[in-house]
Amino acid sequence: MPYDRIDQLPDSVRNHLPTEAQQIYKEAFNHAWEEYSGQDDREATAHKVAWSAVKKKYHKQGDKWVAK
């Protein structure tokens, strides 16, 4: 289930990440979704890949995600 827009992302992403980080998440998720087609844990893997992509440019500082 790739995401067409960031407003379709899970609440856990939209409610916590800045807009640019949401875009990174969406693009990484969609890429991983295609890359891992045919795997049973495709969705879980795509979410892990997306979070990993976000963490390359953002880190959590207190309750907020901020650019590195």
PDB file of N, CA and C in Angstrom:
ATOM      1  N   MET A   1       0.817  -1.185   0.000  1.00  0.00           N
ATOM      2  CA  MET A   1       0.000   0.000   0.000  1.00  0.00           C
ATOM      3  C   MET A   1       0.862   1.251   0.000  1.00  0.00           C
ATOM      4  N   PRO A   2       1.437   1.581  -1.113  1.00  0.00           N
ATOM      5  CA  PRO A   2       2.243   2.798  -1.195  1.00  0.00           C
ATOM      6  C   PRO A   2       1.394   4.038  -0.907  1.00  0.00           C
ATOM      7  N   TYR A   3       2.061   5.080  -0.513  1.00  0.00           N
ATOM      8  CA  TYR A   3       1.376   6.332  -0.168  1.00  0.00           C
ATOM      9  C   TYR A   3       1.534   7.334  -1.308  1.00  0.00           C
ATOM     10  N   ASP A   4       0.420   7.912  -1.732  1.00  0.00           N
ATOM     11  CA  ASP A   4       0.453   8.933  -2.777  1.00  0.00           C
ATOM     12  C   ASP A   4       0.782  10.313  -2.208  1.00  0.00           C
ATOM     13  N   ARG A   5       0.326  10.553  -0.988  1.00  0.00           N
ATOM     14  CA  ARG A   5       0.495  11.875  -0.344  1.00  0.00           C
ATOM     15  C   ARG A   5       0.872  11.676   1.122  1.00  0.00           C
ATOM     16  N   ILE A   6       1.518  12.680   1.690  1.00  0.00           N
ATOM     17  CA  ILE A   6       1.925  12.550   3.091  1.00  0.00           C
ATOM     18  C   ILE A   6       0.737  12.544   4.045  1.00  0.00           C
ATOM     19  N   ASP A   7      -0.399  13.084   3.628  1.00  0.00           N
ATOM     20  CA  ASP A   7      -1.554  13.049   4.530  1.00  0.00           C
ATOM     21  C   ASP A   7      -2.153  11.648   4.645  1.00  0.00           C
ATOM     22  N   GLN A   8      -1.642  10.706   3.879  1.00  0.00           N
ATOM     23  CA  GLN A   8      -2.071   9.314   3.981  1.00  0.00           C
ATOM     24  C   GLN A   8      -1.179   8.494   4.916  1.00  0.00           C
ATOM     25  N   LEU A   9      -0.087   9.085   5.359  1.00  0.00           N
ATOM     26  CA  LEU A   9       0.838   8.372   6.246  1.00  0.00           C
ATOM     27  C   LEU A   9       0.167   8.038   7.574  1.00  0.00           C
ATOM     28  N   PRO A  10       0.674   7.024   8.259  1.00  0.00           N
ATOM     29  CA  PRO A  10       0.105   6.687   9.571  1.00  0.00           C
ATOM     30  C   PRO A  10       0.184   7.872  10.538  1.00  0.00           C
ATOM     31  N   ASP A  11      -0.755   7.921  11.460  1.00  0.00           N
ATOM     32  CA  ASP A  11      -0.763   9.000  12.462  1.00  0.00           C
ATOM     33  C   ASP A  11       0.563   9.089  13.205  1.00  0.00           C
ATOM     34  N   SER A  12       1.183   7.944  13.480  1.00  0.00           N
ATOM     35  CA  SER A  12       2.448   7.942  14.221  1.00  0.00           C
ATOM     36  C   SER A  12       3.554   8.674  13.464  1.00  0.00           C
ATOM     37  N   VAL A  13       3.415   8.794  12.178  1.00  0.00           N
ATOM     38  CA  VAL A  13       4.379   9.532  11.364  1.00  0.00           C
ATOM     39  C   VAL A  13       3.937  10.991  11.232  1.00  0.00           C
ATOM     40  N   ARG A  14       2.708  11.213  10.809  1.00  0.00           N
ATOM     41  CA  ARG A  14       2.207  12.578  10.576  1.00  0.00           C
ATOM     42  C   ARG A  14       2.193  13.430  11.834  1.00  0.00           C
ATOM     43  N   ASN A  15       1.885  12.839  12.965  1.00  0.00           N
ATOM     44  CA  ASN A  15       1.754  13.616  14.197  1.00  0.00           C
ATOM     45  C   ASN A  15       3.081  13.896  14.884  1.00  0.00           C
ATOM     46  N   HIS A  16       4.171  13.319  14.378  1.00  0.00           N
ATOM     47  CA  HIS A  16       5.440  13.478  15.083  1.00  0.00           C
ATOM     48  C   HIS A  16       6.584  14.019  14.230  1.00  0.00           C
ATOM     49  N   LEU A  17       6.513  13.828  12.930  1.00  0.00           N
ATOM     50  CA  LEU A  17       7.625  14.257  12.083  1.00  0.00           C
ATOM     51  C   LEU A  17       7.332  15.573  11.380  1.00  0.00           C
ATOM     52  N   PRO A  18       8.366  16.404  11.195  1.00  0.00           N
ATOM     53  CA  PRO A  18       8.199  17.612  10.381  1.00  0.00           C
ATOM     54  C   PRO A  18       7.858  17.224   8.937  1.00  0.00           C
ATOM     55  N   THR A  19       7.317  18.148   8.193  1.00  0.00           N
ATOM     56  CA  THR A  19       6.849  17.886   6.836  1.00  0.00           C
ATOM     57  C   THR A  19       7.939  17.287   5.950  1.00  0.00           C
ATOM     58  N   GLU A  20       9.150  17.840   5.974  1.00  0.00           N
ATOM     59  CA  GLU A  20      10.232  17.308   5.141  1.00  0.00           C
ATOM     60  C   GLU A  20      10.541  15.856   5.516  1.00  0.00           C
ATOM     61  N   ALA A  21      10.535  15.550   6.787  1.00  0.00           N
ATOM     62  CA  ALA A  21      10.793  14.179   7.237  1.00  0.00           C
ATOM     63  C   ALA A  21       9.662  13.244   6.811  1.00  0.00           C
ATOM     64  N   GLN A  22       8.453  13.749   6.781  1.00  0.00           N
ATOM     65  CA  GLN A  22       7.333  12.947   6.298  1.00  0.00           C
ATOM     66  C   GLN A  22       7.523  12.603   4.823  1.00  0.00           C
ATOM     67  N   GLN A  23       8.004  13.549   4.061  1.00  0.00           N
ATOM     68  CA  GLN A  23       8.257  13.313   2.636  1.00  0.00           C
ATOM     69  C   GLN A  23       9.340  12.252   2.462  1.00  0.00           C
ATOM     70  N   ILE A  24      10.391  12.338   3.267  1.00  0.00           N
ATOM     71  CA  ILE A  24      11.457  11.331   3.230  1.00  0.00           C
ATOM     72  C   ILE A  24      10.873   9.958   3.554  1.00  0.00           C
ATOM     73  N   TYR A  25      10.053   9.903   4.579  1.00  0.00           N
ATOM     74  CA  TYR A  25       9.419   8.647   4.992  1.00  0.00           C
ATOM     75  C   TYR A  25       8.593   8.064   3.848  1.00  0.00           C
ATOM     76  N   LYS A  26       7.764   8.895   3.236  1.00  0.00           N
ATOM     77  CA  LYS A  26       6.891   8.442   2.155  1.00  0.00           C
ATOM     78  C   LYS A  26       7.697   7.873   0.995  1.00  0.00           C
ATOM     79  N   GLU A  27       8.712   8.606   0.573  1.00  0.00           N
ATOM     80  CA  GLU A  27       9.521   8.162  -0.568  1.00  0.00           C
ATOM     81  C   GLU A  27      10.260   6.864  -0.248  1.00  0.00           C
ATOM     82  N   ALA A  28      10.825   6.768   0.934  1.00  0.00           N
ATOM     83  CA  ALA A  28      11.554   5.556   1.325  1.00  0.00           C
ATOM     84  C   ALA A  28      10.610   4.366   1.451  1.00  0.00           C
ATOM     85  N   PHE A  29       9.437   4.594   2.030  1.00  0.00           N
ATOM     86  CA  PHE A  29       8.456   3.522   2.164  1.00  0.00           C
ATOM     87  C   PHE A  29       8.051   3.012   0.789  1.00  0.00           C
ATOM     88  N   ASN A  30       7.708   3.923  -0.095  1.00  0.00           N
ATOM     89  CA  ASN A  30       7.251   3.530  -1.427  1.00  0.00           C
ATOM     90  C   ASN A  30       8.330   2.762  -2.200  1.00  0.00           C
ATOM     91  N   HIS A  31       9.568   3.209  -2.073  1.00  0.00           N
ATOM     92  CA  HIS A  31      10.666   2.513  -2.740  1.00  0.00           C
ATOM     93  C   HIS A  31      10.825   1.103  -2.163  1.00  0.00           C
ATOM     94  N   ALA A  32      10.819   0.989  -0.848  1.00  0.00           N
ATOM     95  CA  ALA A  32      10.964  -0.317  -0.196  1.00  0.00           C
ATOM     96  C   ALA A  32       9.781  -1.219  -0.523  1.00  0.00           C
ATOM     97  N   TRP A  33       8.588  -0.647  -0.624  1.00  0.00           N
ATOM     98  CA  TRP A  33       7.390  -1.426  -0.956  1.00  0.00           C
ATOM     99  C   TRP A  33       7.594  -2.146  -2.294  1.00  0.00           C
ATOM    100  N   GLU A  34       8.157  -1.438  -3.254  1.00  0.00           N
ATOM    101  CA  GLU A  34       8.420  -2.056  -4.553  1.00  0.00           C
ATOM    102  C   GLU A  34       9.589  -3.027  -4.483  1.00  0.00           C
ATOM    103  N   GLU A  35      10.617  -2.645  -3.766  1.00  0.00           N
ATOM    104  CA  GLU A  35      11.832  -3.451  -3.668  1.00  0.00           C
ATOM    105  C   GLU A  35      11.575  -4.818  -3.027  1.00  0.00           C
ATOM    106  N   TYR A  36      10.706  -4.860  -2.043  1.00  0.00           N
ATOM    107  CA  TYR A  36      10.478  -6.092  -1.288  1.00  0.00           C
ATOM    108  C   TYR A  36       9.170  -6.786  -1.665  1.00  0.00           C
ATOM    109  N   SER A  37       8.703  -6.592  -2.876  1.00  0.00           N
ATOM    110  CA  SER A  37       7.474  -7.267  -3.307  1.00  0.00           C
ATOM    111  C   SER A  37       7.699  -8.776  -3.258  1.00  0.00           C
ATOM    112  N   GLY A  38       6.662  -9.484  -2.863  1.00  0.00           N
ATOM    113  CA  GLY A  38       6.748 -10.930  -2.765  1.00  0.00           C
ATOM    114  C   GLY A  38       7.146 -11.453  -1.396  1.00  0.00           C
ATOM    115  N   GLN A  39       7.576 -10.563  -0.507  1.00  0.00           N
ATOM    116  CA  GLN A  39       7.932 -10.983   0.854  1.00  0.00           C
ATOM    117  C   GLN A  39       6.715 -10.916   1.752  1.00  0.00           C
ATOM    118  N   ASP A  40       6.619 -11.870   2.661  1.00  0.00           N
ATOM    119  CA  ASP A  40       5.486 -11.911   3.589  1.00  0.00           C
ATOM    120  C   ASP A  40       5.435 -10.686   4.498  1.00  0.00           C
ATOM    121  N   ASP A  41       6.595 -10.196   4.907  1.00  0.00           N
ATOM    122  CA  ASP A  41       6.655  -9.061   5.835  1.00  0.00           C
ATOM    123  C   ASP A  41       6.943  -7.751   5.105  1.00  0.00           C
ATOM    124  N   ARG A  42       6.449  -7.640   3.896  1.00  0.00           N
ATOM    125  CA  ARG A  42       6.718  -6.484   3.027  1.00  0.00           C
ATOM    126  C   ARG A  42       6.393  -5.155   3.699  1.00  0.00           C
ATOM    127  N   GLU A  43       5.211  -5.035   4.286  1.00  0.00           N
ATOM    128  CA  GLU A  43       4.803  -3.763   4.882  1.00  0.00           C
ATOM    129  C   GLU A  43       5.674  -3.406   6.083  1.00  0.00           C
ATOM    130  N   ALA A  44       5.920  -4.363   6.951  1.00  0.00           N
ATOM    131  CA  ALA A  44       6.762  -4.104   8.127  1.00  0.00           C
ATOM    132  C   ALA A  44       8.168  -3.701   7.703  1.00  0.00           C
ATOM    133  N   THR A  45       8.704  -4.374   6.703  1.00  0.00           N
ATOM    134  CA  THR A  45      10.040  -4.039   6.205  1.00  0.00           C
ATOM    135  C   THR A  45      10.062  -2.635   5.615  1.00  0.00           C
ATOM    136  N   ALA A  46       9.039  -2.289   4.850  1.00  0.00           N
ATOM    137  CA  ALA A  46       8.981  -0.953   4.248  1.00  0.00           C
ATOM    138  C   ALA A  46       8.931   0.135   5.325  1.00  0.00           C
ATOM    139  N   HIS A  47       8.192  -0.104   6.411  1.00  0.00           N
ATOM    140  CA  HIS A  47       8.150   0.875   7.509  1.00  0.00           C
ATOM    141  C   HIS A  47       9.524   1.002   8.175  1.00  0.00           C
ATOM    142  N   LYS A  48      10.214  -0.115   8.359  1.00  0.00           N
ATOM    143  CA  LYS A  48      11.557  -0.071   8.961  1.00  0.00           C
ATOM    144  C   LYS A  48      12.522   0.700   8.079  1.00  0.00           C
ATOM    145  N   VAL A  49      12.460   0.454   6.790  1.00  0.00           N
ATOM    146  CA  VAL A  49      13.324   1.173   5.847  1.00  0.00           C
ATOM    147  C   VAL A  49      13.018   2.673   5.886  1.00  0.00           C
ATOM    148  N   ALA A  50      11.748   3.008   5.934  1.00  0.00           N
ATOM    149  CA  ALA A  50      11.338   4.418   5.949  1.00  0.00           C
ATOM    150  C   ALA A  50      11.851   5.120   7.199  1.00  0.00           C
ATOM    151  N   TRP A  51      11.699   4.479   8.362  1.00  0.00           N
ATOM    152  CA  TRP A  51      12.204   5.094   9.597  1.00  0.00           C
ATOM    153  C   TRP A  51      13.723   5.254   9.540  1.00  0.00           C
ATOM    154  N   SER A  52      14.390   4.268   8.981  1.00  0.00           N
ATOM    155  CA  SER A  52      15.846   4.349   8.851  1.00  0.00           C
ATOM    156  C   SER A  52      16.249   5.540   7.986  1.00  0.00           C
ATOM    157  N   ALA A  53      15.528   5.776   6.909  1.00  0.00           N
ATOM    158  CA  ALA A  53      15.817   6.917   6.029  1.00  0.00           C
ATOM    159  C   ALA A  53      15.621   8.237   6.768  1.00  0.00           C
ATOM    160  N   VAL A  54      14.559   8.322   7.552  1.00  0.00           N
ATOM    161  CA  VAL A  54      14.309   9.544   8.331  1.00  0.00           C
ATOM    162  C   VAL A  54      15.447   9.778   9.315  1.00  0.00           C
ATOM    163  N   LYS A  55      15.885   8.708   9.970  1.00  0.00           N
ATOM    164  CA  LYS A  55      16.917   8.835  11.009  1.00  0.00           C
ATOM    165  C   LYS A  55      18.279   9.217  10.461  1.00  0.00           C
ATOM    166  N   LYS A  56      18.472   9.140   9.150  1.00  0.00           N
ATOM    167  CA  LYS A  56      19.726   9.597   8.551  1.00  0.00           C
ATOM    168  C   LYS A  56      19.810  11.119   8.555  1.00  0.00           C
ATOM    169  N   LYS A  57      18.666  11.797   8.544  1.00  0.00           N
ATOM    170  CA  LYS A  57      18.652  13.264   8.472  1.00  0.00           C
ATOM    171  C   LYS A  57      18.034  13.934   9.691  1.00  0.00           C
ATOM    172  N   TYR A  58      17.341  13.156  10.520  1.00  0.00           N
ATOM    173  CA  TYR A  58      16.656  13.707  11.696  1.00  0.00           C
ATOM    174  C   TYR A  58      16.981  12.877  12.919  1.00  0.00           C
ATOM    175  N   HIS A  59      16.935  13.527  14.067  1.00  0.00           N
ATOM    176  CA  HIS A  59      17.059  12.809  15.331  1.00  0.00           C
ATOM    177  C   HIS A  59      16.024  13.357  16.299  1.00  0.00           C
ATOM    178  N   LYS A  60      15.722  12.551  17.275  1.00  0.00           N
ATOM    179  CA  LYS A  60      14.716  12.960  18.246  1.00  0.00           C
ATOM    180  C   LYS A  60      15.399  13.746  19.359  1.00  0.00           C
ATOM    181  N   GLN A  61      14.854  14.912  19.629  1.00  0.00           N
ATOM    182  CA  GLN A  61      15.367  15.775  20.679  1.00  0.00           C
ATOM    183  C   GLN A  61      14.200  16.070  21.606  1.00  0.00           C
ATOM    184  N   GLY A  62      14.186  15.417  22.747  1.00  0.00           N
ATOM    185  CA  GLY A  62      13.026  15.529  23.624  1.00  0.00           C
ATOM    186  C   GLY A  62      11.847  14.866  22.969  1.00  0.00           C
ATOM    187  N   ASP A  63      10.766  15.617  22.769  1.00  0.00           N
ATOM    188  CA  ASP A  63       9.571  15.087  22.131  1.00  0.00           C
ATOM    189  C   ASP A  63       9.491  15.412  20.642  1.00  0.00           C
ATOM    190  N   LYS A  64      10.510  16.088  20.100  1.00  0.00           N
ATOM    191  CA  LYS A  64      10.449  16.546  18.708  1.00  0.00           C
ATOM    192  C   LYS A  64      11.542  15.913  17.870  1.00  0.00           C
ATOM    193  N   TRP A  65      11.248  15.768  16.587  1.00  0.00           N
ATOM    194  CA  TRP A  65      12.242  15.331  15.611  1.00  0.00           C
ATOM    195  C   TRP A  65      12.830  16.582  14.962  1.00  0.00           C
ATOM    196  N   VAL A  66      14.155  16.690  14.972  1.00  0.00           N
ATOM    197  CA  VAL A  66      14.823  17.863  14.412  1.00  0.00           C
ATOM    198  C   VAL A  66      15.913  17.413  13.431  1.00  0.00           C
ATOM    199  N   ALA A  67      16.200  18.271  12.455  1.00  0.00           N
ATOM    200  CA  ALA A  67      17.225  17.971  11.470  1.00  0.00           C
ATOM    201  C   ALA A  67      18.580  17.906  12.143  1.00  0.00           C
ATOM    202  N   LYS A  68      19.421  17.020  11.630  1.00  0.00           N
ATOM    203  CA  LYS A  68      20.783  16.881  12.169  1.00  0.00           C
ATOM    204  C   LYS A  68      21.653  17.998  11.697  1.00  0.00           C
TER     205      LYS A  68
END
